[in-house]
Amino acid sequence: MLGSPLVMVLAHTSCGAVKAACDVVKKNATYPGAIGSMTEPIVPAALAARDEPGDFVNNAARQSARRTAARLTATSSLISALVEQGKLKIVAAIYELETGVVSSLV
């Protein structure tokens, strides 16, 4: 990790890849090539967000950032050890395209 004390997983509102994943969930859409492989890891987040109140795409983006942040420690013993030692913090956040505001996701 090159000694970095912080990793931020940053999603953004109105994300095209997340919208495509939401279309897979809601409309059973399929996407060929790179778009299809890009949406695959986002689909579980879209499934988790589909019944949340509010904007489906933005809720799925938030879920995706949270899940990705959690996956970093779950899939890497090196990262997990650094987090446990207090040498690394991993946070999920979302960037609001309209306002430029970045909000931490707890």
PDB file of N, CA and C in Angstrom:
ATOM      1  N   MET A   1       0.828  -1.185   0.000  1.00  0.00           N
ATOM      2  CA  MET A   1       0.000   0.000   0.000  1.00  0.00           C
ATOM      3  C   MET A   1       0.873   1.249   0.000  1.00  0.00           C
ATOM      4  N   LEU A   2       2.160   1.098  -0.067  1.00  0.00           N
ATOM      5  CA  LEU A   2       3.094   2.225  -0.155  1.00  0.00           C
ATOM      6  C   LEU A   2       2.986   3.182   1.018  1.00  0.00           C
ATOM      7  N   GLY A   3       2.504   2.729   2.139  1.00  0.00           N
ATOM      8  CA  GLY A   3       2.437   3.546   3.338  1.00  0.00           C
ATOM      9  C   GLY A   3       1.279   4.518   3.404  1.00  0.00           C
ATOM     10  N   SER A   4       0.359   4.429   2.480  1.00  0.00           N
ATOM     11  CA  SER A   4      -0.796   5.326   2.509  1.00  0.00           C
ATOM     12  C   SER A   4      -1.655   5.019   3.731  1.00  0.00           C
ATOM     13  N   PRO A   5      -2.057   6.048   4.496  1.00  0.00           N
ATOM     14  CA  PRO A   5      -2.885   5.788   5.665  1.00  0.00           C
ATOM     15  C   PRO A   5      -4.382   5.697   5.353  1.00  0.00           C
ATOM     16  N   LEU A   6      -4.756   6.024   4.117  1.00  0.00           N
ATOM     17  CA  LEU A   6      -6.175   6.076   3.780  1.00  0.00           C
ATOM     18  C   LEU A   6      -6.427   5.583   2.359  1.00  0.00           C
ATOM     19  N   VAL A   7      -7.441   4.744   2.225  1.00  0.00           N
ATOM     20  CA  VAL A   7      -7.961   4.351   0.915  1.00  0.00           C
ATOM     21  C   VAL A   7      -9.416   4.778   0.896  1.00  0.00           C
ATOM     22  N   MET A   8      -9.780   5.576  -0.118  1.00  0.00           N
ATOM     23  CA  MET A   8     -11.166   6.007  -0.258  1.00  0.00           C
ATOM     24  C   MET A   8     -11.753   5.360  -1.508  1.00  0.00           C
ATOM     25  N   VAL A   9     -12.829   4.624  -1.314  1.00  0.00           N
ATOM     26  CA  VAL A   9     -13.578   4.068  -2.430  1.00  0.00           C
ATOM     27  C   VAL A   9     -14.644   5.099  -2.750  1.00  0.00           C
ATOM     28  N   LEU A  10     -14.508   5.751  -3.894  1.00  0.00           N
ATOM     29  CA  LEU A  10     -15.353   6.889  -4.226  1.00  0.00           C
ATOM     30  C   LEU A  10     -16.277   6.570  -5.391  1.00  0.00           C
ATOM     31  N   ALA A  11     -17.560   6.529  -5.094  1.00  0.00           N
ATOM     32  CA  ALA A  11     -18.583   6.386  -6.133  1.00  0.00           C
ATOM     33  C   ALA A  11     -19.030   7.788  -6.523  1.00  0.00           C
ATOM     34  N   HIS A  12     -19.810   7.887  -7.592  1.00  0.00           N
ATOM     35  CA  HIS A  12     -20.373   9.189  -7.941  1.00  0.00           C
ATOM     36  C   HIS A  12     -21.812   9.026  -8.394  1.00  0.00           C
ATOM     37  N   THR A  13     -22.575  10.094  -8.220  1.00  0.00           N
ATOM     38  CA  THR A  13     -23.980  10.070  -8.611  1.00  0.00           C
ATOM     39  C   THR A  13     -24.089  10.013 -10.127  1.00  0.00           C
ATOM     40  N   SER A  14     -25.229   9.550 -10.596  1.00  0.00           N
ATOM     41  CA  SER A  14     -25.534   9.467 -12.035  1.00  0.00           C
ATOM     42  C   SER A  14     -24.503   8.661 -12.815  1.00  0.00           C
ATOM     43  N   CYS A  15     -23.979   7.618 -12.214  1.00  0.00           N
ATOM     44  CA  CYS A  15     -22.938   6.794 -12.841  1.00  0.00           C
ATOM     45  C   CYS A  15     -23.547   5.899 -13.930  1.00  0.00           C
ATOM     46  N   GLY A  16     -22.979   5.946 -15.109  1.00  0.00           N
ATOM     47  CA  GLY A  16     -23.481   5.143 -16.227  1.00  0.00           C
ATOM     48  C   GLY A  16     -23.356   3.650 -16.000  1.00  0.00           C
ATOM     49  N   ALA A  17     -22.242   3.209 -15.421  1.00  0.00           N
ATOM     50  CA  ALA A  17     -22.059   1.777 -15.160  1.00  0.00           C
ATOM     51  C   ALA A  17     -23.070   1.291 -14.122  1.00  0.00           C
ATOM     52  N   VAL A  18     -23.320   2.100 -13.109  1.00  0.00           N
ATOM     53  CA  VAL A  18     -24.302   1.727 -12.091  1.00  0.00           C
ATOM     54  C   VAL A  18     -25.700   1.720 -12.700  1.00  0.00           C
ATOM     55  N   LYS A  19     -25.989   2.689 -13.558  1.00  0.00           N
ATOM     56  CA  LYS A  19     -27.292   2.708 -14.231  1.00  0.00           C
ATOM     57  C   LYS A  19     -27.488   1.432 -15.045  1.00  0.00           C
ATOM     58  N   ALA A  20     -26.443   0.999 -15.747  1.00  0.00           N
ATOM     59  CA  ALA A  20     -26.534  -0.232 -16.525  1.00  0.00           C
ATOM     60  C   ALA A  20     -26.803  -1.430 -15.611  1.00  0.00           C
ATOM     61  N   ALA A  21     -26.129  -1.489 -14.462  1.00  0.00           N
ATOM     62  CA  ALA A  21     -26.365  -2.583 -13.511  1.00  0.00           C
ATOM     63  C   ALA A  21     -27.795  -2.539 -12.982  1.00  0.00           C
ATOM     64  N   CYS A  22     -28.314  -1.346 -12.751  1.00  0.00           N
ATOM     65  CA  CYS A  22     -29.702  -1.202 -12.300  1.00  0.00           C
ATOM     66  C   CYS A  22     -30.670  -1.673 -13.381  1.00  0.00           C
ATOM     67  N   ASP A  23     -30.346  -1.407 -14.640  1.00  0.00           N
ATOM     68  CA  ASP A  23     -31.182  -1.894 -15.744  1.00  0.00           C
ATOM     69  C   ASP A  23     -31.153  -3.415 -15.827  1.00  0.00           C
ATOM     70  N   VAL A  24     -30.019  -4.020 -15.496  1.00  0.00           N
ATOM     71  CA  VAL A  24     -29.939  -5.490 -15.451  1.00  0.00           C
ATOM     72  C   VAL A  24     -30.918  -6.006 -14.405  1.00  0.00           C
ATOM     73  N   VAL A  25     -30.950  -5.349 -13.249  1.00  0.00           N
ATOM     74  CA  VAL A  25     -31.812  -5.785 -12.146  1.00  0.00           C
ATOM     75  C   VAL A  25     -33.283  -5.517 -12.441  1.00  0.00           C
ATOM     76  N   LYS A  26     -33.613  -4.325 -12.879  1.00  0.00           N
ATOM     77  CA  LYS A  26     -35.025  -3.934 -13.052  1.00  0.00           C
ATOM     78  C   LYS A  26     -35.627  -4.391 -14.376  1.00  0.00           C
ATOM     79  N   LYS A  27     -34.816  -4.376 -15.441  1.00  0.00           N
ATOM     80  CA  LYS A  27     -35.346  -4.640 -16.781  1.00  0.00           C
ATOM     81  C   LYS A  27     -34.789  -5.905 -17.424  1.00  0.00           C
ATOM     82  N   ASN A  28     -33.965  -6.636 -16.664  1.00  0.00           N
ATOM     83  CA  ASN A  28     -33.315  -7.834 -17.183  1.00  0.00           C
ATOM     84  C   ASN A  28     -32.504  -7.528 -18.447  1.00  0.00           C
ATOM     85  N   ALA A  29     -31.914  -6.340 -18.484  1.00  0.00           N
ATOM     86  CA  ALA A  29     -31.112  -5.915 -19.631  1.00  0.00           C
ATOM     87  C   ALA A  29     -29.815  -6.719 -19.690  1.00  0.00           C
ATOM     88  N   THR A  30     -29.272  -6.832 -20.878  1.00  0.00           N
ATOM     89  CA  THR A  30     -27.958  -7.454 -21.055  1.00  0.00           C
ATOM     90  C   THR A  30     -27.082  -6.484 -21.851  1.00  0.00           C
ATOM     91  N   TYR A  31     -25.814  -6.494 -21.535  1.00  0.00           N
ATOM     92  CA  TYR A  31     -24.861  -5.611 -22.208  1.00  0.00           C
ATOM     93  C   TYR A  31     -23.677  -6.435 -22.671  1.00  0.00           C
ATOM     94  N   PRO A  32     -23.328  -6.325 -23.945  1.00  0.00           N
ATOM     95  CA  PRO A  32     -22.198  -7.088 -24.465  1.00  0.00           C
ATOM     96  C   PRO A  32     -20.865  -6.424 -24.128  1.00  0.00           C
ATOM     97  N   GLY A  33     -19.808  -7.184 -24.273  1.00  0.00           N
ATOM     98  CA  GLY A  33     -18.459  -6.643 -24.187  1.00  0.00           C
ATOM     99  C   GLY A  33     -18.097  -6.037 -22.855  1.00  0.00           C
ATOM    100  N   ALA A  34     -17.354  -4.933 -22.930  1.00  0.00           N
ATOM    101  CA  ALA A  34     -16.797  -4.304 -21.734  1.00  0.00           C
ATOM    102  C   ALA A  34     -17.864  -3.804 -20.773  1.00  0.00           C
ATOM    103  N   ILE A  35     -18.965  -3.313 -21.296  1.00  0.00           N
ATOM    104  CA  ILE A  35     -20.021  -2.805 -20.415  1.00  0.00           C
ATOM    105  C   ILE A  35     -20.588  -3.945 -19.565  1.00  0.00           C
ATOM    106  N   GLY A  36     -20.807  -5.089 -20.168  1.00  0.00           N
ATOM    107  CA  GLY A  36     -21.323  -6.232 -19.420  1.00  0.00           C
ATOM    108  C   GLY A  36     -20.394  -6.656 -18.299  1.00  0.00           C
ATOM    109  N   SER A  37     -19.104  -6.754 -18.581  1.00  0.00           N
ATOM    110  CA  SER A  37     -18.164  -7.166 -17.533  1.00  0.00           C
ATOM    111  C   SER A  37     -17.978  -6.072 -16.486  1.00  0.00           C
ATOM    112  N   MET A  38     -18.187  -4.822 -16.865  1.00  0.00           N
ATOM    113  CA  MET A  38     -18.078  -3.716 -15.915  1.00  0.00           C
ATOM    114  C   MET A  38     -19.261  -3.708 -14.946  1.00  0.00           C
ATOM    115  N   THR A  39     -20.428  -4.122 -15.416  1.00  0.00           N
ATOM    116  CA  THR A  39     -21.615  -4.080 -14.558  1.00  0.00           C
ATOM    117  C   THR A  39     -21.711  -5.277 -13.611  1.00  0.00           C
ATOM    118  N   GLU A  40     -21.084  -6.396 -13.960  1.00  0.00           N
ATOM    119  CA  GLU A  40     -21.215  -7.615 -13.151  1.00  0.00           C
ATOM    120  C   GLU A  40     -20.943  -7.412 -11.663  1.00  0.00           C
ATOM    121  N   PRO A  41     -19.836  -6.761 -11.272  1.00  0.00           N
ATOM    122  CA  PRO A  41     -19.610  -6.598  -9.830  1.00  0.00           C
ATOM    123  C   PRO A  41     -20.540  -5.577  -9.164  1.00  0.00           C
ATOM    124  N   ILE A  42     -21.259  -4.789  -9.957  1.00  0.00           N
ATOM    125  CA  ILE A  42     -22.157  -3.775  -9.410  1.00  0.00           C
ATOM    126  C   ILE A  42     -23.565  -4.328  -9.198  1.00  0.00           C
ATOM    127  N   VAL A  43     -23.922  -5.381  -9.924  1.00  0.00           N
ATOM    128  CA  VAL A  43     -25.279  -5.951  -9.844  1.00  0.00           C
ATOM    129  C   VAL A  43     -25.671  -6.322  -8.409  1.00  0.00           C
ATOM    130  N   PRO A  44     -24.797  -6.954  -7.596  1.00  0.00           N
ATOM    131  CA  PRO A  44     -25.209  -7.245  -6.214  1.00  0.00           C
ATOM    132  C   PRO A  44     -25.576  -5.983  -5.420  1.00  0.00           C
ATOM    133  N   ALA A  45     -24.886  -4.898  -5.668  1.00  0.00           N
ATOM    134  CA  ALA A  45     -25.216  -3.631  -4.995  1.00  0.00           C
ATOM    135  C   ALA A  45     -26.573  -3.124  -5.469  1.00  0.00           C
ATOM    136  N   ALA A  46     -26.847  -3.261  -6.754  1.00  0.00           N
ATOM    137  CA  ALA A  46     -28.141  -2.843  -7.293  1.00  0.00           C
ATOM    138  C   ALA A  46     -29.263  -3.711  -6.708  1.00  0.00           C
ATOM    139  N   LEU A  47     -29.015  -4.983  -6.570  1.00  0.00           N
ATOM    140  CA  LEU A  47     -30.011  -5.871  -5.959  1.00  0.00           C
ATOM    141  C   LEU A  47     -30.293  -5.447  -4.517  1.00  0.00           C
ATOM    142  N   ALA A  48     -29.255  -5.089  -3.786  1.00  0.00           N
ATOM    143  CA  ALA A  48     -29.424  -4.676  -2.393  1.00  0.00           C
ATOM    144  C   ALA A  48     -30.150  -3.342  -2.285  1.00  0.00           C
ATOM    145  N   ALA A  49     -30.000  -2.484  -3.287  1.00  0.00           N
ATOM    146  CA  ALA A  49     -30.565  -1.130  -3.230  1.00  0.00           C
ATOM    147  C   ALA A  49     -31.942  -1.009  -3.869  1.00  0.00           C
ATOM    148  N   ARG A  50     -32.397  -2.032  -4.549  1.00  0.00           N
ATOM    149  CA  ARG A  50     -33.609  -1.883  -5.368  1.00  0.00           C
ATOM    150  C   ARG A  50     -34.859  -1.508  -4.587  1.00  0.00           C
ATOM    151  N   ASP A  51     -34.947  -1.858  -3.320  1.00  0.00           N
ATOM    152  CA  ASP A  51     -36.150  -1.537  -2.546  1.00  0.00           C
ATOM    153  C   ASP A  51     -35.961  -0.350  -1.610  1.00  0.00           C
ATOM    154  N   GLU A  52     -34.789   0.292  -1.666  1.00  0.00           N
ATOM    155  CA  GLU A  52     -34.549   1.465  -0.817  1.00  0.00           C
ATOM    156  C   GLU A  52     -35.320   2.664  -1.369  1.00  0.00           C
ATOM    157  N   PRO A  53     -35.808   3.520  -0.492  1.00  0.00           N
ATOM    158  CA  PRO A  53     -36.473   4.735  -0.988  1.00  0.00           C
ATOM    159  C   PRO A  53     -35.451   5.676  -1.618  1.00  0.00           C
ATOM    160  N   GLY A  54     -35.896   6.473  -2.566  1.00  0.00           N
ATOM    161  CA  GLY A  54     -35.000   7.426  -3.214  1.00  0.00           C
ATOM    162  C   GLY A  54     -34.561   6.963  -4.591  1.00  0.00           C
ATOM    163  N   ASP A  55     -33.539   7.588  -5.096  1.00  0.00           N
ATOM    164  CA  ASP A  55     -33.041   7.328  -6.443  1.00  0.00           C
ATOM    165  C   ASP A  55     -32.308   5.978  -6.497  1.00  0.00           C
ATOM    166  N   PHE A  56     -32.803   5.075  -7.323  1.00  0.00           N
ATOM    167  CA  PHE A  56     -32.253   3.722  -7.416  1.00  0.00           C
ATOM    168  C   PHE A  56     -30.784   3.732  -7.820  1.00  0.00           C
ATOM    169  N   VAL A  57     -30.437   4.484  -8.845  1.00  0.00           N
ATOM    170  CA  VAL A  57     -29.060   4.496  -9.347  1.00  0.00           C
ATOM    171  C   VAL A  57     -28.108   5.038  -8.282  1.00  0.00           C
ATOM    172  N   ASN A  58     -28.449   6.136  -7.666  1.00  0.00           N
ATOM    173  CA  ASN A  58     -27.569   6.716  -6.653  1.00  0.00           C
ATOM    174  C   ASN A  58     -27.483   5.852  -5.404  1.00  0.00           C
ATOM    175  N   ASN A  59     -28.589   5.208  -5.025  1.00  0.00           N
ATOM    176  CA  ASN A  59     -28.553   4.269  -3.896  1.00  0.00           C
ATOM    177  C   ASN A  59     -27.652   3.075  -4.224  1.00  0.00           C
ATOM    178  N   ALA A  60     -27.731   2.581  -5.447  1.00  0.00           N
ATOM    179  CA  ALA A  60     -26.886   1.461  -5.856  1.00  0.00           C
ATOM    180  C   ALA A  60     -25.416   1.872  -5.882  1.00  0.00           C
ATOM    181  N   ALA A  61     -25.128   3.102  -6.296  1.00  0.00           N
ATOM    182  CA  ALA A  61     -23.741   3.595  -6.284  1.00  0.00           C
ATOM    183  C   ALA A  61     -23.209   3.610  -4.855  1.00  0.00           C
ATOM    184  N   ARG A  62     -24.015   4.065  -3.922  1.00  0.00           N
ATOM    185  CA  ARG A  62     -23.604   4.079  -2.515  1.00  0.00           C
ATOM    186  C   ARG A  62     -23.341   2.659  -2.012  1.00  0.00           C
ATOM    187  N   GLN A  63     -24.269   1.758  -2.331  1.00  0.00           N
ATOM    188  CA  GLN A  63     -24.101   0.357  -1.933  1.00  0.00           C
ATOM    189  C   GLN A  63     -22.820  -0.234  -2.536  1.00  0.00           C
ATOM    190  N   SER A  64     -22.569   0.075  -3.784  1.00  0.00           N
ATOM    191  CA  SER A  64     -21.388  -0.450  -4.453  1.00  0.00           C
ATOM    192  C   SER A  64     -20.104   0.035  -3.777  1.00  0.00           C
ATOM    193  N   ALA A  65     -20.053   1.311  -3.416  1.00  0.00           N
ATOM    194  CA  ALA A  65     -18.873   1.844  -2.733  1.00  0.00           C
ATOM    195  C   ALA A  65     -18.675   1.158  -1.386  1.00  0.00           C
ATOM    196  N   ARG A  66     -19.754   0.994  -0.630  1.00  0.00           N
ATOM    197  CA  ARG A  66     -19.658   0.323   0.673  1.00  0.00           C
ATOM    198  C   ARG A  66     -19.163  -1.113   0.518  1.00  0.00           C
ATOM    199  N   ARG A  67     -19.738  -1.817  -0.440  1.00  0.00           N
ATOM    200  CA  ARG A  67     -19.373  -3.217  -0.654  1.00  0.00           C
ATOM    201  C   ARG A  67     -17.927  -3.358  -1.118  1.00  0.00           C
ATOM    202  N   THR A  68     -17.500  -2.456  -1.979  1.00  0.00           N
ATOM    203  CA  THR A  68     -16.114  -2.506  -2.457  1.00  0.00           C
ATOM    204  C   THR A  68     -15.145  -2.237  -1.315  1.00  0.00           C
ATOM    205  N   ALA A  69     -15.441  -1.259  -0.489  1.00  0.00           N
ATOM    206  CA  ALA A  69     -14.589  -0.959   0.664  1.00  0.00           C
ATOM    207  C   ALA A  69     -14.500  -2.171   1.596  1.00  0.00           C
ATOM    208  N   ALA A  70     -15.622  -2.809   1.862  1.00  0.00           N
ATOM    209  CA  ALA A  70     -15.634  -3.994   2.727  1.00  0.00           C
ATOM    210  C   ALA A  70     -14.868  -5.147   2.091  1.00  0.00           C
ATOM    211  N   ARG A  71     -15.003  -5.290   0.779  1.00  0.00           N
ATOM    212  CA  ARG A  71     -14.336  -6.382   0.070  1.00  0.00           C
ATOM    213  C   ARG A  71     -12.814  -6.254   0.131  1.00  0.00           C
ATOM    214  N   LEU A  72     -12.298  -5.035   0.192  1.00  0.00           N
ATOM    215  CA  LEU A  72     -10.845  -4.848   0.252  1.00  0.00           C
ATOM    216  C   LEU A  72     -10.241  -5.542   1.466  1.00  0.00           C
ATOM    217  N   THR A  73     -10.868  -5.385   2.621  1.00  0.00           N
ATOM    218  CA  THR A  73     -10.324  -6.039   3.815  1.00  0.00           C
ATOM    219  C   THR A  73     -10.653  -7.525   3.843  1.00  0.00           C
ATOM    220  N   ALA A  74     -11.780  -7.894   3.267  1.00  0.00           N
ATOM    221  CA  ALA A  74     -12.189  -9.299   3.289  1.00  0.00           C
ATOM    222  C   ALA A  74     -11.347 -10.167   2.356  1.00  0.00           C
ATOM    223  N   THR A  75     -10.793  -9.578   1.304  1.00  0.00           N
ATOM    224  CA  THR A  75     -10.083 -10.385   0.307  1.00  0.00           C
ATOM    225  C   THR A  75      -8.564 -10.244   0.349  1.00  0.00           C
ATOM    226  N   SER A  76      -8.054  -9.384   1.214  1.00  0.00           N
ATOM    227  CA  SER A  76      -6.606  -9.202   1.284  1.00  0.00           C
ATOM    228  C   SER A  76      -6.136  -9.273   2.727  1.00  0.00           C
ATOM    229  N   SER A  77      -5.312 -10.277   3.009  1.00  0.00           N
ATOM    230  CA  SER A  77      -4.785 -10.393   4.369  1.00  0.00           C
ATOM    231  C   SER A  77      -3.826  -9.241   4.678  1.00  0.00           C
ATOM    232  N   LEU A  78      -3.111  -8.741   3.687  1.00  0.00           N
ATOM    233  CA  LEU A  78      -2.213  -7.602   3.889  1.00  0.00           C
ATOM    234  C   LEU A  78      -3.010  -6.359   4.290  1.00  0.00           C
ATOM    235  N   ILE A  79      -4.051  -6.054   3.527  1.00  0.00           N
ATOM    236  CA  ILE A  79      -4.881  -4.886   3.828  1.00  0.00           C
ATOM    237  C   ILE A  79      -5.578  -5.075   5.169  1.00  0.00           C
ATOM    238  N   SER A  80      -6.106  -6.245   5.413  1.00  0.00           N
ATOM    239  CA  SER A  80      -6.788  -6.529   6.673  1.00  0.00           C
ATOM    240  C   SER A  80      -5.855  -6.318   7.860  1.00  0.00           C
ATOM    241  N   ALA A  81      -4.628  -6.781   7.744  1.00  0.00           N
ATOM    242  CA  ALA A  81      -3.657  -6.618   8.835  1.00  0.00           C
ATOM    243  C   ALA A  81      -3.349  -5.151   9.076  1.00  0.00           C
ATOM    244  N   LEU A  82      -3.187  -4.381   8.016  1.00  0.00           N
ATOM    245  CA  LEU A  82      -2.910  -2.953   8.169  1.00  0.00           C
ATOM    246  C   LEU A  82      -4.073  -2.227   8.841  1.00  0.00           C
ATOM    247  N   VAL A  83      -5.301  -2.607   8.475  1.00  0.00           N
ATOM    248  CA  VAL A  83      -6.478  -2.010   9.102  1.00  0.00           C
ATOM    249  C   VAL A  83      -6.510  -2.371  10.585  1.00  0.00           C
ATOM    250  N   GLU A  84      -6.276  -3.650  10.905  1.00  0.00           N
ATOM    251  CA  GLU A  84      -6.283  -4.101  12.300  1.00  0.00           C
ATOM    252  C   GLU A  84      -5.206  -3.405  13.131  1.00  0.00           C
ATOM    253  N   GLN A  85      -4.065  -3.106  12.532  1.00  0.00           N
ATOM    254  CA  GLN A  85      -2.972  -2.434  13.230  1.00  0.00           C
ATOM    255  C   GLN A  85      -3.193  -0.922  13.330  1.00  0.00           C
ATOM    256  N   GLY A  86      -4.251  -0.432  12.719  1.00  0.00           N
ATOM    257  CA  GLY A  86      -4.521   1.000  12.741  1.00  0.00           C
ATOM    258  C   GLY A  86      -3.641   1.803  11.803  1.00  0.00           C
ATOM    259  N   LYS A  87      -2.970   1.123  10.881  1.00  0.00           N
ATOM    260  CA  LYS A  87      -2.084   1.794   9.935  1.00  0.00           C
ATOM    261  C   LYS A  87      -2.800   2.213   8.650  1.00  0.00           C
ATOM    262  N   LEU A  88      -4.000   1.694   8.463  1.00  0.00           N
ATOM    263  CA  LEU A  88      -4.754   1.980   7.252  1.00  0.00           C
ATOM    264  C   LEU A  88      -6.233   2.101   7.593  1.00  0.00           C
ATOM    265  N   LYS A  89      -6.863   3.084   7.014  1.00  0.00           N
ATOM    266  CA  LYS A  89      -8.310   3.242   7.151  1.00  0.00           C
ATOM    267  C   LYS A  89      -8.904   3.183   5.749  1.00  0.00           C
ATOM    268  N   ILE A  90      -9.994   2.466   5.607  1.00  0.00           N
ATOM    269  CA  ILE A  90     -10.697   2.367   4.332  1.00  0.00           C
ATOM    270  C   ILE A  90     -12.076   2.974   4.521  1.00  0.00           C
ATOM    271  N   VAL A  91     -12.414   3.921   3.675  1.00  0.00           N
ATOM    272  CA  VAL A  91     -13.716   4.574   3.762  1.00  0.00           C
ATOM    273  C   VAL A  91     -14.399   4.546   2.404  1.00  0.00           C
ATOM    274  N   ALA A  92     -15.711   4.491   2.439  1.00  0.00           N
ATOM    275  CA  ALA A  92     -16.529   4.600   1.229  1.00  0.00           C
ATOM    276  C   ALA A  92     -17.137   5.995   1.221  1.00  0.00           C
ATOM    277  N   ALA A  93     -17.234   6.573   0.041  1.00  0.00           N
ATOM    278  CA  ALA A  93     -17.796   7.921  -0.086  1.00  0.00           C
ATOM    279  C   ALA A  93     -18.490   8.050  -1.429  1.00  0.00           C
ATOM    280  N   ILE A  94     -19.286   9.104  -1.547  1.00  0.00           N
ATOM    281  CA  ILE A  94     -19.946   9.387  -2.815  1.00  0.00           C
ATOM    282  C   ILE A  94     -19.731  10.849  -3.178  1.00  0.00           C
ATOM    283  N   TYR A  95     -19.450  11.057  -4.453  1.00  0.00           N
ATOM    284  CA  TYR A  95     -19.243  12.395  -5.000  1.00  0.00           C
ATOM    285  C   TYR A  95     -20.523  12.809  -5.712  1.00  0.00           C
ATOM    286  N   GLU A  96     -21.110  13.902  -5.267  1.00  0.00           N
ATOM    287  CA  GLU A  96     -22.331  14.428  -5.876  1.00  0.00           C
ATOM    288  C   GLU A  96     -21.930  15.290  -7.073  1.00  0.00           C
ATOM    289  N   LEU A  97     -22.205  14.815  -8.281  1.00  0.00           N
ATOM    290  CA  LEU A  97     -21.796  15.531  -9.486  1.00  0.00           C
ATOM    291  C   LEU A  97     -22.374  16.939  -9.559  1.00  0.00           C
ATOM    292  N   GLU A  98     -23.611  17.111  -9.136  1.00  0.00           N
ATOM    293  CA  GLU A  98     -24.268  18.416  -9.256  1.00  0.00           C
ATOM    294  C   GLU A  98     -23.688  19.469  -8.316  1.00  0.00           C
ATOM    295  N   THR A  99     -23.229  19.042  -7.141  1.00  0.00           N
ATOM    296  CA  THR A  99     -22.774  20.018  -6.144  1.00  0.00           C
ATOM    297  C   THR A  99     -21.275  20.000  -5.906  1.00  0.00           C
ATOM    298  N   GLY A 100     -20.604  18.928  -6.288  1.00  0.00           N
ATOM    299  CA  GLY A 100     -19.185  18.790  -6.017  1.00  0.00           C
ATOM    300  C   GLY A 100     -18.885  18.345  -4.593  1.00  0.00           C
ATOM    301  N   VAL A 101     -19.907  17.988  -3.844  1.00  0.00           N
ATOM    302  CA  VAL A 101     -19.735  17.580  -2.449  1.00  0.00           C
ATOM    303  C   VAL A 101     -19.407  16.094  -2.368  1.00  0.00           C
ATOM    304  N   VAL A 102     -18.422  15.752  -1.552  1.00  0.00           N
ATOM    305  CA  VAL A 102     -18.080  14.356  -1.261  1.00  0.00           C
ATOM    306  C   VAL A 102     -18.583  14.054   0.147  1.00  0.00           C
ATOM    307  N   SER A 103     -19.378  12.981   0.258  1.00  0.00           N
ATOM    308  CA  SER A 103     -19.937  12.591   1.555  1.00  0.00           C
ATOM    309  C   SER A 103     -19.460  11.189   1.912  1.00  0.00           C
ATOM    310  N   SER A 104     -18.998  11.050   3.132  1.00  0.00           N
ATOM    311  CA  SER A 104     -18.591   9.737   3.642  1.00  0.00           C
ATOM    312  C   SER A 104     -19.821   8.863   3.824  1.00  0.00           C
ATOM    313  N   LEU A 105     -19.674   7.583   3.536  1.00  0.00           N
ATOM    314  CA  LEU A 105     -20.766   6.620   3.702  1.00  0.00           C
ATOM    315  C   LEU A 105     -20.415   5.718   4.868  1.00  0.00           C
ATOM    316  N   VAL A 106     -21.209   5.762   5.887  1.00  0.00           N
ATOM    317  CA  VAL A 106     -20.935   4.971   7.092  1.00  0.00           C
ATOM    318  C   VAL A 106     -21.598   3.622   6.976  1.00  0.00           C
TER     319      VAL A 106
END
